[in-house]
Amino acid sequence: MPAFPQRPRTHTLDTQSETYFRGKLPVDWIVSRPANDYGQDLIIEIAEDGQMRGLGLTVQIKSSENPSRNVDYESIDLKTSTYNYLRNNLFVVLLIKYVSSENEAYWLLLKDVNPPENEGQNSFTVKIPKRNKLSELDWNIIVDYVRTTTNIKLESVPNRIQNNNNAR
């Protein structure tokens, strides 16, 4: 019998976790996959009442076959360089941990992650509370946070076009 390539279980888990995540999003949101992945697995454009208002978030998805041993949280290993990259990202960042045996995912906003204790370390562990079930997430909480964060960022930048026009 001839040999054929084998699909690693990690590839199947990646597909399974992304399919699960996409299935939990509001149907009118737009999901894109960046061509190059430096920690942004998916880019989400948020629609509100059918309108695209420039709101979005970045998603990093991790997956495992089985849950962690702790009953209160799931853990993921995050490279310090990826954390730094995501922290500097202008989009709000959502971390997702999918557990195949439970067919459930857990979420945490990057703003709630404690940074690594030592910037020289290669990676660190992020604990995602198991109470943050993706299947129970009220997406309005995320939208409100994205809107608030976006407004703060926009208000911090002077409107140079308007200021230049007024000078004429």
N, C-alpha and C. Protein backbone atom coordinates (compact mmCIF):
# COMPACT_ATOMS: atom_id res chain seq x y z
N MET A 1 0.85 -1.17 0.00
CA MET A 1 0.00 0.00 0.00
C MET A 1 0.90 1.24 0.00
N PRO A 2 0.62 2.22 -0.86
CA PRO A 2 1.46 3.43 -0.94
C PRO A 2 1.28 4.31 0.31
N ALA A 3 2.31 5.06 0.62
CA ALA A 3 2.26 6.00 1.76
C ALA A 3 1.66 7.33 1.32
N PHE A 4 0.94 7.95 2.22
CA PHE A 4 0.33 9.25 1.96
C PHE A 4 0.66 10.19 3.12
N PRO A 5 0.60 11.50 2.87
CA PRO A 5 0.84 12.43 3.97
C PRO A 5 -0.20 12.25 5.07
N GLN A 6 0.23 12.43 6.28
CA GLN A 6 -0.65 12.35 7.43
C GLN A 6 -0.97 13.75 7.92
N ARG A 7 -2.23 14.00 8.22
CA ARG A 7 -2.62 15.28 8.78
C ARG A 7 -2.42 15.23 10.29
N PRO A 8 -1.55 16.10 10.81
CA PRO A 8 -1.33 16.09 12.27
C PRO A 8 -2.60 16.50 13.02
N ARG A 9 -2.76 15.97 14.21
CA ARG A 9 -3.92 16.28 15.05
C ARG A 9 -3.98 17.78 15.35
N THR A 10 -2.82 18.42 15.47
CA THR A 10 -2.81 19.86 15.74
C THR A 10 -3.49 20.64 14.63
N HIS A 11 -3.35 20.21 13.38
CA HIS A 11 -4.02 20.88 12.27
C HIS A 11 -5.54 20.71 12.38
N THR A 12 -5.96 19.51 12.75
CA THR A 12 -7.39 19.24 12.92
C THR A 12 -7.95 20.09 14.06
N LEU A 13 -7.21 20.18 15.18
CA LEU A 13 -7.65 21.00 16.30
C LEU A 13 -7.74 22.47 15.91
N ASP A 14 -6.80 22.96 15.13
CA ASP A 14 -6.84 24.35 14.67
C ASP A 14 -8.10 24.61 13.85
N THR A 15 -8.41 23.69 12.94
CA THR A 15 -9.61 23.84 12.11
C THR A 15 -10.87 23.77 12.97
N GLN A 16 -10.89 22.81 13.89
CA GLN A 16 -12.04 22.64 14.78
C GLN A 16 -12.26 23.88 15.64
N SER A 17 -11.19 24.43 16.18
CA SER A 17 -11.33 25.60 17.06
C SER A 17 -11.81 26.82 16.29
N GLU A 18 -11.29 27.02 15.09
CA GLU A 18 -11.73 28.16 14.29
C GLU A 18 -13.19 28.01 13.86
N THR A 19 -13.58 26.81 13.48
CA THR A 19 -14.97 26.55 13.08
C THR A 19 -15.91 26.81 14.26
N TYR A 20 -15.52 26.35 15.44
CA TYR A 20 -16.33 26.58 16.64
C TYR A 20 -16.46 28.08 16.90
N PHE A 21 -15.33 28.79 16.88
CA PHE A 21 -15.35 30.23 17.14
C PHE A 21 -16.23 30.97 16.14
N ARG A 22 -16.05 30.70 14.86
CA ARG A 22 -16.85 31.38 13.84
C ARG A 22 -18.34 31.12 14.04
N GLY A 23 -18.68 29.93 14.50
CA GLY A 23 -20.08 29.57 14.73
C GLY A 23 -20.72 30.31 15.89
N LYS A 24 -19.92 30.91 16.75
CA LYS A 24 -20.45 31.65 17.90
C LYS A 24 -20.55 33.15 17.63
N LEU A 25 -20.01 33.62 16.53
CA LEU A 25 -20.05 35.05 16.20
C LEU A 25 -21.41 35.46 15.64
N PRO A 26 -21.79 36.71 15.85
CA PRO A 26 -22.98 37.22 15.16
C PRO A 26 -22.83 37.03 13.64
N VAL A 27 -23.89 36.66 12.99
CA VAL A 27 -23.84 36.26 11.59
C VAL A 27 -23.40 37.37 10.63
N ASP A 28 -23.64 38.64 10.99
CA ASP A 28 -23.30 39.72 10.07
C ASP A 28 -21.89 40.28 10.28
N TRP A 29 -21.13 39.71 11.20
CA TRP A 29 -19.74 40.14 11.38
C TRP A 29 -18.87 39.51 10.30
N ILE A 30 -17.83 40.22 9.92
CA ILE A 30 -16.93 39.76 8.86
C ILE A 30 -15.65 39.22 9.49
N VAL A 31 -15.27 38.01 9.07
CA VAL A 31 -14.07 37.36 9.60
C VAL A 31 -13.05 37.24 8.48
N SER A 32 -11.83 37.71 8.75
CA SER A 32 -10.73 37.59 7.79
C SER A 32 -9.55 36.90 8.46
N ARG A 33 -8.80 36.20 7.67
CA ARG A 33 -7.58 35.55 8.15
C ARG A 33 -6.39 36.29 7.53
N PRO A 34 -5.52 36.87 8.37
CA PRO A 34 -4.35 37.57 7.84
C PRO A 34 -3.44 36.61 7.05
N ALA A 35 -2.81 37.13 6.01
CA ALA A 35 -1.90 36.31 5.20
C ALA A 35 -0.69 35.87 6.01
N ASN A 36 -0.19 36.75 6.86
CA ASN A 36 0.94 36.43 7.72
C ASN A 36 0.48 36.49 9.16
N ASP A 37 0.78 35.45 9.92
CA ASP A 37 0.31 35.34 11.29
C ASP A 37 1.43 35.62 12.27
N TYR A 38 1.33 36.76 12.95
CA TYR A 38 2.28 37.09 14.01
C TYR A 38 1.58 37.11 15.35
N GLY A 39 0.45 36.43 15.44
CA GLY A 39 -0.34 36.41 16.66
C GLY A 39 -1.78 36.78 16.40
N GLN A 40 -2.06 37.24 15.20
CA GLN A 40 -3.43 37.58 14.81
C GLN A 40 -3.96 36.42 13.96
N ASP A 41 -4.72 35.52 14.58
CA ASP A 41 -5.28 34.41 13.81
C ASP A 41 -6.45 34.87 12.95
N LEU A 42 -7.28 35.75 13.52
CA LEU A 42 -8.45 36.26 12.80
C LEU A 42 -8.61 37.74 13.08
N ILE A 43 -9.11 38.46 12.07
CA ILE A 43 -9.49 39.86 12.22
C ILE A 43 -11.01 39.90 12.05
N ILE A 44 -11.68 40.50 13.03
CA ILE A 44 -13.14 40.57 13.02
C ILE A 44 -13.57 42.01 12.79
N GLU A 45 -14.44 42.22 11.81
CA GLU A 45 -15.07 43.52 11.60
C GLU A 45 -16.49 43.42 12.14
N ILE A 46 -16.81 44.31 13.05
CA ILE A 46 -18.09 44.26 13.76
C ILE A 46 -19.14 45.08 13.01
N ALA A 47 -20.28 44.45 12.76
CA ALA A 47 -21.43 45.15 12.18
C ALA A 47 -22.40 45.46 13.30
N GLU A 48 -22.92 46.69 13.27
CA GLU A 48 -23.95 47.09 14.24
C GLU A 48 -25.17 47.54 13.45
N ASP A 49 -26.28 46.87 13.67
CA ASP A 49 -27.52 47.17 12.95
C ASP A 49 -27.27 47.19 11.44
N GLY A 50 -26.44 46.26 10.97
CA GLY A 50 -26.15 46.16 9.55
C GLY A 50 -25.16 47.19 9.03
N GLN A 51 -24.62 48.01 9.90
CA GLN A 51 -23.68 49.05 9.48
C GLN A 51 -22.26 48.70 9.92
N MET A 52 -21.32 48.93 9.02
CA MET A 52 -19.91 48.75 9.33
C MET A 52 -19.39 50.11 9.77
N ARG A 53 -19.09 50.24 11.06
CA ARG A 53 -18.72 51.53 11.65
C ARG A 53 -17.24 51.63 11.99
N GLY A 54 -16.44 50.73 11.45
CA GLY A 54 -15.01 50.79 11.69
C GLY A 54 -14.57 50.12 12.98
N LEU A 55 -15.45 49.37 13.61
CA LEU A 55 -15.09 48.67 14.84
C LEU A 55 -14.59 47.27 14.51
N GLY A 56 -13.55 46.87 15.22
CA GLY A 56 -13.02 45.54 14.97
C GLY A 56 -12.19 45.03 16.12
N LEU A 57 -11.85 43.76 16.03
CA LEU A 57 -10.97 43.17 17.02
C LEU A 57 -10.11 42.10 16.38
N THR A 58 -9.02 41.80 17.05
CA THR A 58 -8.10 40.77 16.63
C THR A 58 -8.29 39.58 17.56
N VAL A 59 -8.19 38.37 17.01
CA VAL A 59 -8.39 37.17 17.80
C VAL A 59 -7.18 36.26 17.68
N GLN A 60 -6.72 35.76 18.82
CA GLN A 60 -5.68 34.74 18.90
C GLN A 60 -6.36 33.50 19.47
N ILE A 61 -6.32 32.38 18.71
CA ILE A 61 -6.98 31.15 19.13
C ILE A 61 -5.93 30.08 19.43
N LYS A 62 -6.06 29.48 20.58
CA LYS A 62 -5.25 28.32 20.97
C LYS A 62 -6.23 27.17 21.20
N SER A 63 -5.72 25.96 21.07
CA SER A 63 -6.61 24.81 21.27
C SER A 63 -5.85 23.66 21.94
N SER A 64 -6.63 22.78 22.55
CA SER A 64 -6.07 21.57 23.13
C SER A 64 -7.11 20.46 23.05
N GLU A 65 -6.63 19.26 23.14
CA GLU A 65 -7.52 18.09 23.11
C GLU A 65 -8.33 18.01 24.40
N ASN A 66 -7.65 18.21 25.54
CA ASN A 66 -8.27 18.05 26.85
C ASN A 66 -8.13 19.32 27.67
N PRO A 67 -8.99 19.47 28.69
CA PRO A 67 -8.92 20.66 29.54
C PRO A 67 -7.67 20.63 30.43
N SER A 68 -7.33 21.79 30.95
CA SER A 68 -6.24 21.85 31.92
C SER A 68 -6.70 21.19 33.20
N ARG A 69 -5.78 20.94 34.08
CA ARG A 69 -6.10 20.24 35.33
C ARG A 69 -6.80 21.12 36.35
N ASN A 70 -6.76 22.41 36.15
CA ASN A 70 -7.36 23.34 37.10
C ASN A 70 -8.85 23.49 36.79
N VAL A 71 -9.68 23.46 37.81
CA VAL A 71 -11.13 23.56 37.60
C VAL A 71 -11.59 24.99 37.37
N ASP A 72 -10.75 25.98 37.69
CA ASP A 72 -11.16 27.38 37.60
C ASP A 72 -10.71 28.09 36.33
N TYR A 73 -9.71 27.57 35.66
CA TYR A 73 -9.22 28.27 34.48
C TYR A 73 -8.60 27.31 33.47
N GLU A 74 -8.55 27.77 32.24
CA GLU A 74 -7.78 27.13 31.18
C GLU A 74 -6.51 27.93 31.02
N SER A 75 -5.46 27.30 30.61
CA SER A 75 -4.22 28.04 30.43
C SER A 75 -3.72 27.91 29.00
N ILE A 76 -3.05 28.96 28.57
CA ILE A 76 -2.38 28.95 27.28
C ILE A 76 -0.98 29.48 27.49
N ASP A 77 -0.07 29.01 26.67
CA ASP A 77 1.28 29.57 26.66
C ASP A 77 1.32 30.62 25.56
N LEU A 78 1.81 31.78 25.91
CA LEU A 78 1.90 32.88 24.97
C LEU A 78 3.34 33.35 24.90
N LYS A 79 3.86 33.45 23.70
CA LYS A 79 5.22 33.97 23.54
C LYS A 79 5.23 35.43 23.97
N THR A 80 6.28 35.82 24.64
CA THR A 80 6.41 37.21 25.08
C THR A 80 6.42 38.14 23.87
N SER A 81 7.09 37.75 22.80
CA SER A 81 7.12 38.58 21.59
C SER A 81 5.72 38.74 21.00
N THR A 82 4.91 37.69 21.03
CA THR A 82 3.53 37.77 20.54
C THR A 82 2.71 38.69 21.44
N TYR A 83 2.88 38.56 22.74
CA TYR A 83 2.18 39.45 23.68
C TYR A 83 2.52 40.91 23.38
N ASN A 84 3.80 41.20 23.22
CA ASN A 84 4.24 42.57 22.93
C ASN A 84 3.62 43.07 21.63
N TYR A 85 3.59 42.22 20.62
CA TYR A 85 3.00 42.58 19.33
C TYR A 85 1.50 42.87 19.49
N LEU A 86 0.79 41.97 20.16
CA LEU A 86 -0.65 42.15 20.33
C LEU A 86 -0.96 43.35 21.22
N ARG A 87 -0.13 43.59 22.21
CA ARG A 87 -0.33 44.73 23.12
C ARG A 87 -0.21 46.06 22.38
N ASN A 88 0.66 46.12 21.38
CA ASN A 88 0.83 47.34 20.59
C ASN A 88 -0.20 47.47 19.47
N ASN A 89 -0.98 46.44 19.24
CA ASN A 89 -1.98 46.44 18.19
C ASN A 89 -3.07 47.47 18.52
N LEU A 90 -3.50 48.23 17.54
CA LEU A 90 -4.55 49.22 17.77
C LEU A 90 -5.94 48.59 17.94
N PHE A 91 -6.12 47.38 17.43
CA PHE A 91 -7.38 46.68 17.64
C PHE A 91 -7.43 46.12 19.05
N VAL A 92 -8.63 45.95 19.57
CA VAL A 92 -8.83 45.20 20.80
C VAL A 92 -8.47 43.74 20.49
N VAL A 93 -7.85 43.06 21.44
CA VAL A 93 -7.41 41.68 21.22
C VAL A 93 -8.19 40.75 22.15
N LEU A 94 -8.71 39.68 21.56
CA LEU A 94 -9.46 38.66 22.28
C LEU A 94 -8.68 37.35 22.19
N LEU A 95 -8.37 36.76 23.34
CA LEU A 95 -7.71 35.46 23.40
C LEU A 95 -8.77 34.38 23.59
N ILE A 96 -8.63 33.29 22.84
CA ILE A 96 -9.58 32.19 22.88
C ILE A 96 -8.81 30.90 23.14
N LYS A 97 -9.34 30.06 24.04
CA LYS A 97 -8.80 28.71 24.25
C LYS A 97 -9.93 27.74 24.01
N TYR A 98 -9.78 26.90 22.98
CA TYR A 98 -10.77 25.89 22.63
C TYR A 98 -10.32 24.55 23.20
N VAL A 99 -11.25 23.81 23.81
CA VAL A 99 -10.97 22.49 24.36
C VAL A 99 -11.84 21.48 23.61
N SER A 100 -11.23 20.65 22.80
CA SER A 100 -11.95 19.75 21.92
C SER A 100 -12.84 18.76 22.67
N SER A 101 -12.32 18.13 23.72
CA SER A 101 -13.10 17.11 24.43
C SER A 101 -14.35 17.69 25.09
N GLU A 102 -14.36 18.99 25.37
CA GLU A 102 -15.53 19.66 25.95
C GLU A 102 -16.38 20.34 24.89
N ASN A 103 -15.85 20.47 23.69
CA ASN A 103 -16.47 21.26 22.63
C ASN A 103 -16.91 22.62 23.19
N GLU A 104 -15.95 23.28 23.85
CA GLU A 104 -16.18 24.59 24.46
C GLU A 104 -14.91 25.41 24.31
N ALA A 105 -15.10 26.72 24.29
CA ALA A 105 -13.98 27.64 24.25
C ALA A 105 -14.17 28.67 25.35
N TYR A 106 -13.06 29.25 25.77
CA TYR A 106 -13.05 30.24 26.84
C TYR A 106 -12.35 31.49 26.31
N TRP A 107 -12.74 32.65 26.81
CA TRP A 107 -12.23 33.90 26.26
C TRP A 107 -11.68 34.81 27.34
N LEU A 108 -10.78 35.71 26.91
CA LEU A 108 -10.20 36.71 27.78
C LEU A 108 -9.70 37.86 26.92
N LEU A 109 -10.02 39.07 27.32
CA LEU A 109 -9.48 40.24 26.63
C LEU A 109 -8.01 40.40 27.02
N LEU A 110 -7.18 40.79 26.06
CA LEU A 110 -5.75 40.95 26.33
C LEU A 110 -5.50 41.98 27.43
N LYS A 111 -6.35 42.96 27.55
CA LYS A 111 -6.19 43.99 28.59
C LYS A 111 -6.20 43.39 29.99
N ASP A 112 -6.79 42.20 30.14
CA ASP A 112 -6.89 41.54 31.43
C ASP A 112 -5.75 40.55 31.70
N VAL A 113 -4.79 40.50 30.79
CA VAL A 113 -3.64 39.60 30.95
C VAL A 113 -2.54 40.32 31.70
N ASN A 114 -2.02 39.67 32.72
CA ASN A 114 -0.85 40.21 33.41
C ASN A 114 0.37 40.00 32.52
N PRO A 115 1.16 41.05 32.28
CA PRO A 115 2.33 40.89 31.41
C PRO A 115 3.34 39.94 32.04
N PRO A 116 4.25 39.43 31.23
CA PRO A 116 5.27 38.53 31.79
C PRO A 116 6.08 39.26 32.86
N GLU A 117 6.49 38.51 33.87
CA GLU A 117 7.26 39.11 34.96
C GLU A 117 8.61 39.61 34.48
N ASN A 118 9.20 38.91 33.53
CA ASN A 118 10.53 39.25 33.03
C ASN A 118 10.44 39.38 31.51
N GLU A 119 10.74 40.56 30.99
CA GLU A 119 10.64 40.75 29.54
C GLU A 119 11.58 39.86 28.75
N GLY A 120 12.61 39.33 29.41
CA GLY A 120 13.57 38.46 28.74
C GLY A 120 13.11 37.03 28.58
N GLN A 121 12.01 36.67 29.25
CA GLN A 121 11.54 35.29 29.13
C GLN A 121 10.88 35.08 27.77
N ASN A 122 10.99 33.86 27.23
CA ASN A 122 10.47 33.57 25.89
C ASN A 122 8.96 33.47 25.84
N SER A 123 8.36 32.92 26.90
CA SER A 123 6.91 32.77 26.93
C SER A 123 6.43 32.79 28.38
N PHE A 124 5.12 32.87 28.53
CA PHE A 124 4.52 32.85 29.86
C PHE A 124 3.11 32.26 29.75
N THR A 125 2.56 31.92 30.90
CA THR A 125 1.25 31.27 30.94
C THR A 125 0.16 32.30 31.22
N VAL A 126 -0.90 32.23 30.43
CA VAL A 126 -2.07 33.08 30.61
C VAL A 126 -3.20 32.19 31.11
N LYS A 127 -3.86 32.64 32.16
CA LYS A 127 -4.97 31.88 32.73
C LYS A 127 -6.29 32.51 32.30
N ILE A 128 -7.11 31.71 31.65
CA ILE A 128 -8.41 32.17 31.17
C ILE A 128 -9.49 31.54 32.04
N PRO A 129 -10.28 32.36 32.74
CA PRO A 129 -11.30 31.81 33.65
C PRO A 129 -12.32 30.93 32.90
N LYS A 130 -12.61 29.79 33.49
CA LYS A 130 -13.59 28.88 32.87
C LYS A 130 -15.01 29.44 32.93
N ARG A 131 -15.23 30.46 33.74
CA ARG A 131 -16.55 31.09 33.77
C ARG A 131 -16.77 31.90 32.48
N ASN A 132 -15.69 32.20 31.73
CA ASN A 132 -15.78 32.95 30.47
C ASN A 132 -16.01 31.99 29.30
N LYS A 133 -17.14 31.32 29.31
CA LYS A 133 -17.46 30.38 28.23
C LYS A 133 -17.88 31.15 26.98
N LEU A 134 -17.28 30.80 25.87
CA LEU A 134 -17.63 31.46 24.61
C LEU A 134 -19.09 31.19 24.25
N SER A 135 -19.58 30.02 24.58
CA SER A 135 -20.97 29.67 24.26
C SER A 135 -21.97 30.54 25.01
N GLU A 136 -21.53 31.19 26.09
CA GLU A 136 -22.42 32.03 26.88
C GLU A 136 -22.10 33.52 26.76
N LEU A 137 -21.16 33.86 25.91
CA LEU A 137 -20.72 35.25 25.79
C LEU A 137 -21.80 36.14 25.20
N ASP A 138 -22.09 37.23 25.88
CA ASP A 138 -22.95 38.28 25.35
C ASP A 138 -22.04 39.20 24.53
N TRP A 139 -22.11 39.11 23.23
CA TRP A 139 -21.20 39.86 22.36
C TRP A 139 -21.35 41.36 22.53
N ASN A 140 -22.47 41.81 23.10
CA ASN A 140 -22.64 43.24 23.35
C ASN A 140 -21.59 43.77 24.32
N ILE A 141 -21.14 42.93 25.25
CA ILE A 141 -20.08 43.32 26.18
C ILE A 141 -18.80 43.63 25.40
N ILE A 142 -18.49 42.78 24.45
CA ILE A 142 -17.28 42.98 23.63
C ILE A 142 -17.45 44.21 22.76
N VAL A 143 -18.61 44.36 22.12
CA VAL A 143 -18.85 45.51 21.25
C VAL A 143 -18.73 46.81 22.04
N ASP A 144 -19.32 46.85 23.23
CA ASP A 144 -19.23 48.06 24.05
C ASP A 144 -17.79 48.39 24.40
N TYR A 145 -17.01 47.38 24.75
CA TYR A 145 -15.61 47.61 25.08
C TYR A 145 -14.83 48.08 23.85
N VAL A 146 -15.07 47.45 22.71
CA VAL A 146 -14.40 47.86 21.46
C VAL A 146 -14.76 49.30 21.12
N ARG A 147 -16.05 49.64 21.24
CA ARG A 147 -16.48 51.00 20.92
C ARG A 147 -15.83 52.01 21.86
N THR A 148 -15.83 51.72 23.16
CA THR A 148 -15.22 52.62 24.15
C THR A 148 -13.73 52.80 23.88
N THR A 149 -13.04 51.72 23.64
CA THR A 149 -11.61 51.77 23.37
C THR A 149 -11.32 52.54 22.09
N THR A 150 -12.10 52.29 21.06
CA THR A 150 -11.93 52.99 19.78
C THR A 150 -12.16 54.48 19.97
N ASN A 151 -13.20 54.86 20.71
CA ASN A 151 -13.48 56.28 20.95
C ASN A 151 -12.35 56.96 21.70
N ILE A 152 -11.79 56.29 22.68
CA ILE A 152 -10.66 56.86 23.43
C ILE A 152 -9.47 57.09 22.50
N LYS A 153 -9.20 56.12 21.65
CA LYS A 153 -8.08 56.25 20.70
C LYS A 153 -8.32 57.39 19.72
N LEU A 154 -9.55 57.50 19.22
CA LEU A 154 -9.87 58.56 18.27
C LEU A 154 -9.80 59.95 18.92
N GLU A 155 -10.26 60.05 20.16
CA GLU A 155 -10.23 61.33 20.85
C GLU A 155 -8.82 61.78 21.20
N SER A 156 -7.89 60.84 21.27
CA SER A 156 -6.52 61.20 21.63
C SER A 156 -5.72 61.74 20.45
N VAL A 157 -6.27 61.63 19.25
CA VAL A 157 -5.59 62.11 18.05
C VAL A 157 -6.29 63.38 17.57
N PRO A 158 -5.56 64.48 17.47
CA PRO A 158 -6.20 65.71 17.00
C PRO A 158 -6.67 65.57 15.56
N ASN A 159 -7.75 66.24 15.27
CA ASN A 159 -8.28 66.21 13.91
C ASN A 159 -7.51 67.22 13.07
N ARG A 160 -6.41 66.78 12.51
CA ARG A 160 -5.51 67.67 11.76
C ARG A 160 -6.14 68.17 10.47
N ILE A 161 -6.95 67.35 9.86
CA ILE A 161 -7.59 67.78 8.61
C ILE A 161 -8.50 68.97 8.89
N GLN A 162 -9.31 68.84 9.94
CA GLN A 162 -10.21 69.93 10.30
C GLN A 162 -9.41 71.15 10.71
N ASN A 163 -8.37 70.97 11.50
CA ASN A 163 -7.54 72.10 11.94
C ASN A 163 -6.85 72.78 10.75
N ASN A 164 -6.39 72.02 9.79
CA ASN A 164 -5.75 72.59 8.59
C ASN A 164 -6.73 73.36 7.75
N ASN A 165 -7.97 72.86 7.63
CA ASN A 165 -8.99 73.54 6.86
C ASN A 165 -9.39 74.86 7.51
N ASN A 166 -9.44 74.89 8.83
CA ASN A 166 -9.82 76.11 9.54
C ASN A 166 -8.74 77.18 9.42
N ALA A 167 -7.51 76.77 9.19
CA ALA A 167 -6.40 77.74 9.09
C ALA A 167 -6.39 78.50 7.77
N ARG A 168 -7.14 78.01 6.81
CA ARG A 168 -7.13 78.65 5.47
C ARG A 168 -8.00 79.83 5.40
